[in-house]
Amino acid sequence: MADSLLLFCLIHGKPLSKRFSVKITPTATVDELKEAIKSEKSNDFENIDADKLTLWRVSIPTINANEQDEILFDNITTKEELLPDDELSDTFDRKPPKKTVHIMVQISVESRQGSDQRVAELCQRIQQLQEVIDNRDATCSFDIIVKPDRKVSFSWMTDINKITLDEFRKRIFTKYPQFDDDDYLKIYFITNAQRPAQLTNDKYGITDAARPSIGNFIPFDGIQSDPLQTPLHQTNLQELIQEVRTRRLGLNMNDPTEATQSIFVASFLLKATTIFHEELYLAAEKYLSGRLGNGPVDYSVHSRQTNDYVLGVTEVKKEDFNQGVAQNVVQLESALTQRKRKRTRDDDDGGENETCPVKSYRIVTDSKEWIFIECTMDEDESVFYRVSRLPEVIVYRGHNWEDQCTTVFRKLVWLITLMKNEIPARNKYHKKRASPSTSNKRGKGRI
């Protein structure tokens, strides 16, 4: 008798192509064979004890057989049930034949029912989790500021579809019990220009996609690289490279915070904007107000002729670029239609619309990846968007970071050139708004 037996096994109901082998000593018992089979096919027998398996000795030739045929227990004419304490040497007194299935594995009825029940429980759990995911847009995080403080006192996340204003007040009183008896307590809800991608898509009809993303926008084609031909261009590039080199040494870029990323972004924006220092300037945390929200933006580019002209805005996002793009879409619309908000009722008297097309530009970045956005407001004050992600990614700890920074900087200078070239269109827009024929009907102000 050989030192080991090589037995080919098949689980009841499986095709021949799913047969598998188990090597075991001839002196082992059937009960030990069950343990070896369970170990070999642990995924198939998960949560099923080995003693719940029933083994049958069969002889199913595999030569010239259809590998995809399911082998059903009832169709096997010759079979012998193996008892747990049987020794395999008694059952296989000679070497098992080749090209043959020797053991049929059958799972007890109660084990199958238990497994089916666990599958049903898992399916139910998955459905519950899906419902949570589908309803996640209803969950909002509130930053609570209690005057006279100017900083966030505490944060609270809740489902706005279920919470009531009274519960909201009680939550505040839990933190500040001294206000519980104050009959003159007032609660103000302040929103800013941050909008989820889904709500932004619903507002602007960007795409029919259920969960819109950057790829659903019209691409911002034709992005170019500035040749950086003047000495000022080259000087600013070299200064940028030196600043980035210093920041690489002094800052943690393995898991950078949004503030750390903003330091890198500021270097790029400042060096690109100061090339046009006579026409443009860069502002940080400037307040932007529009029809859909208000709040500060990380960085913005303005005309020196009048700092009300918002030519470009940059948002630094540590993650969730879709959120950043949605936020920028709202900010672009706010900047370009801010002048429209100051019109009076007389604007609807049927007079000639004297607006002209104007554009604004946005950047969403985590300092490594960069997304350019263009917004155009047409004569009828409809807004259109184009969005593209730059193919270059800056790996600050990599060997080619200087070349990557140079490529991004050249494209950034090209984009800021577009912002500078937009100034005449903005001036024309403002002059037409302020012309004598419309001055009696239109309020004063700029975008």
Protein backbone atom coordinates (compact mmCIF):
# COMPACT_ATOMS: atom_id res chain seq x y z
CA MET A 1 0.00 0.00 0.00
CA ALA A 2 1.32 3.46 -0.88
CA ASP A 3 2.34 5.94 1.82
CA SER A 4 -0.42 8.36 0.76
CA LEU A 5 -3.67 8.38 -1.17
CA LEU A 6 -4.47 10.99 -3.81
CA LEU A 7 -8.25 11.27 -3.91
CA PHE A 8 -10.19 13.45 -6.32
CA CYS A 9 -13.35 14.88 -4.80
CA LEU A 10 -16.40 16.71 -6.11
CA ILE A 11 -19.08 18.64 -4.26
CA HIS A 12 -22.63 17.55 -5.02
CA GLY A 13 -24.17 19.73 -7.76
CA LYS A 14 -20.85 21.06 -9.06
CA PRO A 15 -19.58 20.40 -12.61
CA LEU A 16 -16.66 18.05 -13.18
CA SER A 17 -14.40 21.03 -13.88
CA LYS A 18 -14.63 21.88 -10.15
CA ARG A 19 -13.10 18.61 -8.92
CA PHE A 20 -10.19 18.92 -6.52
CA SER A 21 -7.62 16.60 -5.00
CA VAL A 22 -6.78 15.76 -1.40
CA LYS A 23 -3.65 13.87 -0.35
CA ILE A 24 -4.04 11.85 2.86
CA THR A 25 -2.48 8.80 4.55
CA PRO A 26 -4.22 5.42 4.04
CA THR A 27 -4.51 4.93 7.80
CA ALA A 28 -6.57 8.08 8.21
CA THR A 29 -10.27 7.80 9.00
CA VAL A 30 -13.15 9.19 6.98
CA ASP A 31 -13.63 11.78 9.72
CA GLU A 32 -10.06 12.99 9.12
CA LEU A 33 -10.74 13.07 5.39
CA LYS A 34 -13.70 15.38 6.07
CA GLU A 35 -11.39 17.76 7.94
CA ALA A 36 -8.90 17.69 5.03
CA ILE A 37 -11.68 18.41 2.51
CA LYS A 38 -13.01 21.31 4.59
CA SER A 39 -9.49 22.75 4.87
CA GLU A 40 -8.93 22.41 1.12
CA LYS A 41 -12.25 24.12 0.24
CA SER A 42 -12.61 26.52 3.16
CA ASN A 43 -14.63 29.04 1.16
CA ASP A 44 -17.20 26.49 0.03
CA PHE A 45 -17.61 25.14 3.56
CA GLU A 46 -17.41 28.40 5.48
CA ASN A 47 -19.55 28.22 8.65
CA ILE A 48 -20.15 24.48 8.03
CA ASP A 49 -18.59 22.00 10.44
CA ALA A 50 -16.69 19.06 8.97
CA ASP A 51 -18.96 16.55 10.68
CA LYS A 52 -21.90 17.96 8.71
CA LEU A 53 -20.36 16.62 5.51
CA THR A 54 -21.37 13.23 4.13
CA LEU A 55 -18.81 11.43 1.98
CA TRP A 56 -19.66 8.82 -0.66
CA ARG A 57 -17.29 6.54 -2.49
CA VAL A 58 -18.02 6.86 -6.21
CA SER A 59 -16.28 6.09 -9.49
CA ILE A 60 -16.95 8.81 -12.08
CA PRO A 61 -14.58 8.68 -15.09
CA THR A 62 -13.42 12.09 -16.33
CA ILE A 63 -11.95 10.92 -19.67
CA ASN A 64 -14.06 12.22 -22.59
CA ALA A 65 -16.58 13.61 -20.07
CA ASN A 66 -18.26 16.99 -20.41
CA GLU A 67 -16.42 19.18 -17.92
CA GLN A 68 -19.42 21.48 -17.51
CA ASP A 69 -21.95 18.77 -16.67
CA GLU A 70 -23.30 19.11 -13.13
CA ILE A 71 -22.98 15.84 -11.22
CA LEU A 72 -26.14 15.23 -9.23
CA PHE A 73 -26.19 12.74 -6.39
CA ASP A 74 -29.42 11.05 -7.51
CA ASN A 75 -27.96 10.29 -10.95
CA ILE A 76 -25.07 8.25 -9.53
CA THR A 77 -26.04 4.58 -9.64
CA THR A 78 -23.09 3.11 -7.78
CA LYS A 79 -22.15 4.81 -4.55
CA GLU A 80 -21.19 3.81 -1.01
CA GLU A 81 -21.63 5.99 2.06
CA LEU A 82 -18.44 6.25 4.14
CA LEU A 83 -18.82 6.19 7.92
CA PRO A 84 -16.77 8.56 10.13
CA ASP A 85 -14.72 5.79 11.78
CA ASP A 86 -13.94 3.87 8.59
CA GLU A 87 -10.26 3.70 7.69
CA LEU A 88 -9.47 4.73 4.13
CA SER A 89 -7.22 1.68 3.70
CA ASP A 90 -10.29 -0.54 4.12
CA THR A 91 -12.21 1.42 1.49
CA PHE A 92 -9.33 1.86 -0.97
CA ASP A 93 -7.45 -1.42 -0.66
CA ARG A 94 -5.62 -0.70 -3.86
CA LYS A 95 -4.39 2.45 -5.59
CA PRO A 96 -7.36 4.60 -6.70
CA PRO A 97 -7.78 4.69 -10.50
CA LYS A 98 -6.55 7.73 -12.45
CA LYS A 99 -8.81 10.14 -14.33
CA THR A 100 -11.63 9.39 -11.90
CA VAL A 101 -13.61 11.19 -9.21
CA HIS A 102 -13.36 9.03 -6.09
CA ILE A 103 -15.31 10.98 -3.44
CA MET A 104 -18.65 12.78 -3.68
CA VAL A 105 -19.14 15.40 -0.95
CA GLN A 106 -22.68 16.08 0.23
CA ILE A 107 -23.73 18.83 2.67
CA SER A 108 -26.44 17.96 5.18
CA VAL A 109 -29.86 19.59 4.75
CA GLU A 110 -29.72 21.45 8.08
CA SER A 111 -26.29 22.90 7.19
CA ARG A 112 -27.58 24.13 3.83
CA GLN A 113 -30.55 25.74 5.52
CA GLY A 114 -28.28 27.43 8.06
CA SER A 115 -26.01 28.67 5.29
CA ASP A 116 -28.98 29.98 3.32
CA GLN A 117 -30.20 31.79 6.41
CA ARG A 118 -26.83 33.45 6.89
CA VAL A 119 -26.80 34.51 3.24
CA ALA A 120 -30.28 35.98 3.68
CA GLU A 121 -29.10 37.88 6.77
CA LEU A 122 -26.10 39.24 4.90
CA CYS A 123 -28.30 40.33 1.97
CA GLN A 124 -30.58 42.13 4.39
CA ARG A 125 -27.58 43.84 5.99
CA ILE A 126 -26.28 44.90 2.58
CA GLN A 127 -29.69 46.35 1.74
CA GLN A 128 -29.70 48.32 4.99
CA LEU A 129 -26.23 49.66 4.29
CA GLN A 130 -27.30 50.65 0.76
CA GLU A 131 -30.21 52.59 2.22
CA VAL A 132 -27.79 54.44 4.48
CA ILE A 133 -25.59 55.24 1.48
CA ASP A 134 -28.56 56.40 -0.61
CA ASN A 135 -29.69 58.69 2.19
CA ARG A 136 -26.27 60.07 3.05
CA ASP A 137 -26.99 63.40 1.33
CA ALA A 138 -29.55 64.06 4.09
CA THR A 139 -26.79 63.95 6.73
CA CYS A 140 -25.34 67.36 7.40
CA SER A 141 -22.59 68.57 9.69
CA PHE A 142 -23.30 71.80 11.56
CA ASP A 143 -20.51 73.94 12.97
CA ILE A 144 -22.02 75.77 15.96
CA ILE A 145 -20.70 79.23 16.85
CA VAL A 146 -22.05 80.80 20.02
CA LYS A 147 -21.56 84.56 20.11
CA PRO A 148 -19.53 86.49 21.07
CA ASP A 149 -17.03 83.76 20.14
CA ARG A 150 -15.84 83.83 16.54
CA LYS A 151 -14.70 80.23 16.42
CA VAL A 152 -16.56 76.95 16.18
CA SER A 153 -17.75 75.94 19.66
CA PHE A 154 -18.71 72.40 18.70
CA SER A 155 -19.85 70.37 15.68
CA TRP A 156 -22.97 68.28 15.28
CA MET A 157 -23.81 65.78 12.51
CA THR A 158 -27.45 64.79 12.02
CA ASP A 159 -30.10 63.73 9.50
CA ILE A 160 -31.92 66.89 8.45
CA ASN A 161 -34.91 64.84 7.26
CA LYS A 162 -35.58 63.64 10.82
CA ILE A 163 -34.31 66.33 13.15
CA THR A 164 -36.54 69.19 14.32
CA LEU A 165 -35.60 72.74 15.20
CA ASP A 166 -36.62 72.11 18.80
CA GLU A 167 -34.17 69.19 19.01
CA PHE A 168 -31.55 71.44 17.49
CA ARG A 169 -32.10 74.00 20.27
CA LYS A 170 -31.93 71.27 22.94
CA ARG A 171 -28.59 70.16 21.52
CA ILE A 172 -27.26 73.70 21.99
CA PHE A 173 -28.70 73.88 25.52
CA THR A 174 -26.88 70.64 26.38
CA LYS A 175 -23.60 72.40 25.70
CA TYR A 176 -24.73 75.80 26.99
CA PRO A 177 -27.30 75.28 29.78
CA GLN A 178 -27.09 78.97 30.74
CA PHE A 179 -29.17 79.78 27.65
CA ASP A 180 -31.99 77.34 28.50
CA ASP A 181 -34.23 79.99 30.07
CA ASP A 182 -33.37 82.74 27.62
CA ASP A 183 -36.59 83.69 25.79
CA TYR A 184 -34.68 85.93 23.39
CA LEU A 185 -32.31 83.31 22.08
CA LYS A 186 -31.99 83.56 18.31
CA ILE A 187 -30.54 80.92 15.97
CA TYR A 188 -29.09 81.95 12.62
CA PHE A 189 -28.32 79.47 9.85
CA ILE A 190 -25.41 80.69 7.72
CA THR A 191 -24.59 78.92 4.47
CA ASN A 192 -21.57 79.34 2.24
CA ALA A 193 -20.78 78.49 -1.38
CA GLN A 194 -20.07 74.79 -0.73
CA ARG A 195 -22.55 72.54 -2.56
CA PRO A 196 -22.50 68.76 -3.04
CA ALA A 197 -21.99 67.59 -6.60
CA GLN A 198 -25.50 66.13 -6.77
CA LEU A 199 -27.22 69.39 -5.74
CA THR A 200 -25.03 71.39 -8.10
CA ASN A 201 -25.86 69.07 -10.96
CA ASP A 202 -29.59 69.37 -10.20
CA LYS A 203 -29.31 73.16 -10.23
CA TYR A 204 -27.33 73.51 -13.46
CA GLY A 205 -28.40 70.43 -15.41
CA ILE A 206 -24.79 69.54 -16.21
CA THR A 207 -25.49 65.86 -16.86
CA ASP A 208 -28.12 63.16 -16.57
CA ALA A 209 -25.76 61.03 -14.46
CA ALA A 210 -27.22 59.83 -11.15
CA ARG A 211 -23.93 60.54 -9.37
CA PRO A 212 -22.18 63.27 -11.38
CA SER A 213 -18.41 63.56 -11.36
CA ILE A 214 -15.69 65.55 -13.11
CA GLY A 215 -15.92 63.36 -16.20
CA ASN A 216 -19.54 64.42 -16.79
CA PHE A 217 -18.57 68.03 -17.58
CA ILE A 218 -17.71 69.24 -21.07
CA PRO A 219 -13.88 69.01 -21.21
CA PHE A 220 -11.85 72.19 -21.04
CA ASP A 221 -9.99 71.45 -24.27
CA GLY A 222 -7.06 73.42 -25.64
CA ILE A 223 -5.15 73.93 -22.39
CA GLN A 224 -1.70 75.19 -23.39
CA SER A 225 1.71 75.77 -21.84
CA ASP A 226 3.17 79.28 -21.70
CA PRO A 227 6.64 79.40 -23.32
CA LEU A 228 8.01 81.54 -20.41
CA GLN A 229 10.09 83.60 -22.85
CA THR A 230 10.77 86.75 -20.80
CA PRO A 231 13.41 87.10 -18.06
CA LEU A 232 10.61 87.77 -15.53
CA HIS A 233 8.92 84.49 -16.47
CA GLN A 234 12.19 82.57 -16.01
CA THR A 235 13.03 84.34 -12.75
CA ASN A 236 9.66 83.51 -11.23
CA LEU A 237 9.99 79.89 -12.33
CA GLN A 238 13.40 79.54 -10.69
CA GLU A 239 12.13 81.21 -7.51
CA LEU A 240 9.19 78.80 -7.48
CA ILE A 241 11.50 75.79 -7.80
CA GLN A 242 13.63 77.09 -4.93
CA GLU A 243 10.56 77.66 -2.73
CA VAL A 244 9.24 74.17 -3.43
CA ARG A 245 12.68 72.70 -2.69
CA THR A 246 12.67 74.44 0.70
CA ARG A 247 9.12 73.32 1.48
CA ARG A 248 9.95 69.72 0.53
CA LEU A 249 12.68 69.72 3.18
CA GLY A 250 10.71 71.46 5.91
CA LEU A 251 7.15 70.08 5.54
CA ASN A 252 5.64 66.62 5.86
CA MET A 253 4.39 65.55 2.43
CA ASN A 254 3.74 61.90 3.31
CA ASP A 255 0.28 62.72 4.66
CA PRO A 256 -0.08 66.49 4.22
CA THR A 257 -2.92 68.46 5.75
CA GLU A 258 -4.98 70.90 3.70
CA ALA A 259 -3.03 73.76 5.30
CA THR A 260 0.28 72.21 4.20
CA GLN A 261 -1.01 71.75 0.67
CA SER A 262 -2.18 75.36 0.66
CA ILE A 263 1.40 76.51 1.34
CA PHE A 264 2.59 74.81 -1.85
CA VAL A 265 -0.38 76.11 -3.86
CA ALA A 266 0.27 79.67 -2.68
CA SER A 267 3.80 79.53 -4.11
CA PHE A 268 2.52 78.49 -7.54
CA LEU A 269 -0.25 81.11 -7.61
CA LEU A 270 1.90 83.96 -6.32
CA LYS A 271 4.75 83.35 -8.76
CA ALA A 272 2.32 83.04 -11.69
CA THR A 273 0.26 86.11 -10.74
CA THR A 274 3.20 88.45 -10.08
CA ILE A 275 4.26 88.03 -13.71
CA PHE A 276 1.24 90.28 -14.37
CA HIS A 277 1.68 92.43 -11.24
CA GLU A 278 0.74 95.64 -13.07
CA GLU A 279 -2.69 94.27 -13.99
CA LEU A 280 -3.47 91.57 -11.39
CA TYR A 281 -3.08 90.78 -7.72
CA LEU A 282 -3.67 87.66 -5.60
CA ALA A 283 -5.94 87.70 -2.56
CA ALA A 284 -6.36 85.09 0.19
CA GLU A 285 -9.60 84.29 2.05
CA LYS A 286 -11.53 86.98 0.19
CA TYR A 287 -15.28 86.93 0.83
CA LEU A 288 -17.41 85.97 -2.17
CA SER A 289 -21.17 86.47 -2.18
CA GLY A 290 -23.71 85.31 -4.76
CA ARG A 291 -27.25 84.06 -5.26
CA LEU A 292 -26.59 80.53 -4.02
CA GLY A 293 -24.33 81.17 -1.07
CA ASN A 294 -21.53 83.20 0.42
CA GLY A 295 -18.24 82.67 2.16
CA PRO A 296 -14.48 83.08 1.85
CA VAL A 297 -12.50 81.39 -0.93
CA ASP A 298 -8.95 80.14 -0.47
CA TYR A 299 -7.35 82.31 -3.18
CA SER A 300 -8.71 84.69 -5.81
CA VAL A 301 -7.23 86.73 -8.66
CA HIS A 302 -8.43 90.30 -9.16
CA SER A 303 -7.92 93.19 -11.54
CA ARG A 304 -5.99 96.15 -10.10
CA GLN A 305 -8.36 98.48 -11.97
CA THR A 306 -11.10 97.49 -9.58
CA ASN A 307 -10.74 94.77 -6.97
CA ASP A 308 -14.42 93.82 -7.37
CA TYR A 309 -13.57 91.94 -10.55
CA VAL A 310 -13.24 88.27 -9.55
CA LEU A 311 -11.26 86.82 -12.46
CA GLY A 312 -10.23 83.53 -10.91
CA VAL A 313 -10.66 81.50 -7.75
CA THR A 314 -8.59 78.61 -6.37
CA GLU A 315 -9.85 76.05 -3.85
CA VAL A 316 -7.40 73.75 -2.06
CA LYS A 317 -8.97 70.34 -1.38
CA LYS A 318 -7.27 67.56 0.55
CA GLU A 319 -9.69 65.04 -0.97
CA ASP A 320 -13.08 64.77 -2.72
CA PHE A 321 -12.35 66.67 -5.94
CA ASN A 322 -15.98 66.27 -7.01
CA GLN A 323 -16.99 68.32 -3.98
CA GLY A 324 -14.36 70.91 -4.88
CA VAL A 325 -15.57 71.19 -8.47
CA ALA A 326 -19.19 71.52 -7.30
CA GLN A 327 -18.14 74.24 -4.88
CA ASN A 328 -16.28 76.08 -7.65
CA VAL A 329 -19.23 75.86 -10.03
CA VAL A 330 -21.36 77.73 -7.49
CA GLN A 331 -18.61 80.29 -6.89
CA LEU A 332 -18.18 80.89 -10.62
CA GLU A 333 -21.91 81.44 -11.05
CA SER A 334 -21.92 83.74 -8.03
CA ALA A 335 -19.04 85.86 -9.38
CA LEU A 336 -20.47 86.21 -12.87
CA THR A 337 -24.07 86.94 -11.78
CA GLN A 338 -23.30 89.07 -8.74
CA ARG A 339 -23.96 92.21 -10.80
CA LYS A 340 -27.31 90.79 -11.87
CA ARG A 341 -28.40 90.53 -8.24
CA LYS A 342 -28.22 94.32 -7.90
CA ARG A 343 -30.67 95.03 -10.70
CA THR A 344 -34.00 96.60 -9.82
CA ARG A 345 -37.49 95.59 -10.74
CA ASP A 346 -37.33 98.00 -13.66
CA ASP A 347 -34.93 95.55 -15.33
CA ASP A 348 -37.93 93.45 -16.31
CA ASP A 349 -39.62 96.21 -18.34
CA GLY A 350 -38.81 94.51 -21.64
CA GLY A 351 -35.83 96.74 -22.44
CA GLU A 352 -32.90 95.51 -24.51
CA ASN A 353 -30.50 93.19 -22.76
CA GLU A 354 -27.12 94.89 -22.96
CA THR A 355 -24.96 92.24 -21.35
CA CYS A 356 -21.96 90.75 -23.15
CA PRO A 357 -20.25 87.38 -22.72
CA VAL A 358 -17.84 87.25 -19.79
CA LYS A 359 -15.70 84.47 -18.38
CA SER A 360 -14.23 83.43 -15.08
CA TYR A 361 -11.77 80.68 -14.23
CA ARG A 362 -11.28 78.34 -11.31
CA ILE A 363 -8.66 75.90 -10.06
CA VAL A 364 -9.25 72.95 -7.75
CA THR A 365 -6.06 71.34 -6.44
CA ASP A 366 -4.48 69.39 -3.63
CA SER A 367 -1.08 70.79 -4.73
CA LYS A 368 -0.35 67.51 -6.58
CA GLU A 369 -3.31 67.21 -8.96
CA TRP A 370 -4.74 70.28 -10.70
CA ILE A 371 -8.18 70.82 -12.25
CA PHE A 372 -8.95 73.83 -14.48
CA ILE A 373 -12.52 75.13 -14.83
CA GLU A 374 -13.88 77.71 -17.25
CA CYS A 375 -17.26 79.39 -16.80
CA THR A 376 -18.85 81.50 -19.54
CA MET A 377 -21.89 83.72 -19.06
CA ASP A 378 -23.63 84.31 -22.38
CA GLU A 379 -25.65 87.35 -23.53
CA ASP A 380 -28.83 85.91 -22.01
CA GLU A 381 -26.93 85.35 -18.72
CA SER A 382 -26.90 81.58 -19.12
CA VAL A 383 -23.79 79.96 -17.69
CA PHE A 384 -21.74 77.15 -19.26
CA TYR A 385 -18.86 75.15 -17.81
CA ARG A 386 -15.81 73.30 -19.09
CA VAL A 387 -13.68 71.20 -16.76
CA SER A 388 -10.43 69.26 -17.28
CA ARG A 389 -7.91 67.60 -15.01
CA LEU A 390 -4.28 68.19 -15.95
CA PRO A 391 -2.50 64.94 -16.87
CA GLU A 392 0.55 65.97 -14.84
CA VAL A 393 0.72 64.94 -11.18
CA ILE A 394 3.43 66.44 -8.97
CA VAL A 395 5.14 63.82 -6.84
CA TYR A 396 7.02 66.04 -4.40
CA ARG A 397 9.06 63.14 -3.01
CA GLY A 398 9.86 61.80 -6.48
CA HIS A 399 12.90 62.31 -8.66
CA ASN A 400 11.13 64.34 -11.39
CA TRP A 401 9.37 66.88 -9.19
CA GLU A 402 11.19 69.86 -10.79
CA ASP A 403 10.04 68.93 -14.31
CA GLN A 404 6.51 68.28 -13.03
CA CYS A 405 6.39 71.64 -11.24
CA THR A 406 7.66 73.40 -14.35
CA THR A 407 4.99 71.81 -16.56
CA VAL A 408 2.17 72.73 -14.16
CA PHE A 409 3.55 76.27 -13.73
CA ARG A 410 3.62 76.85 -17.50
CA LYS A 411 -0.03 75.83 -17.79
CA LEU A 412 -0.94 77.92 -14.75
CA VAL A 413 0.68 81.00 -16.32
CA TRP A 414 -1.34 80.31 -19.48
CA LEU A 415 -4.57 80.21 -17.46
CA ILE A 416 -3.80 83.41 -15.57
CA THR A 417 -3.05 85.05 -18.92
CA LEU A 418 -6.64 84.24 -19.86
CA MET A 419 -7.77 85.92 -16.63
CA LYS A 420 -5.78 89.05 -17.51
CA ASN A 421 -7.16 89.08 -21.05
CA GLU A 422 -10.68 88.97 -19.58
CA ILE A 423 -10.34 92.46 -18.05
CA PRO A 424 -11.50 94.35 -21.23
CA ALA A 425 -14.64 92.20 -21.43
CA ARG A 426 -15.37 92.92 -17.77
CA ASN A 427 -14.87 96.66 -18.34
CA LYS A 428 -17.23 96.54 -21.32
CA TYR A 429 -19.78 94.65 -19.26
CA HIS A 430 -19.61 97.23 -16.50
CA LYS A 431 -19.77 100.23 -18.85
CA LYS A 432 -22.87 98.90 -20.57
CA ARG A 433 -24.49 98.35 -17.19
CA ALA A 434 -23.62 101.90 -16.15
CA SER A 435 -24.46 103.62 -19.49
CA PRO A 436 -26.91 106.61 -19.40
CA SER A 437 -29.62 104.62 -21.17
CA THR A 438 -29.70 102.10 -18.34
CA SER A 439 -28.35 103.98 -15.33
CA ASN A 440 -31.85 104.88 -14.21
CA LYS A 441 -32.88 101.28 -14.32
CA ARG A 442 -29.83 99.39 -13.08
CA GLY A 443 -28.13 99.53 -9.72
CA LYS A 444 -24.44 100.29 -9.35
CA GLY A 445 -21.77 97.68 -8.72
CA ARG A 446 -19.31 95.38 -10.39
CA ILE A 447 -18.58 91.68 -10.50
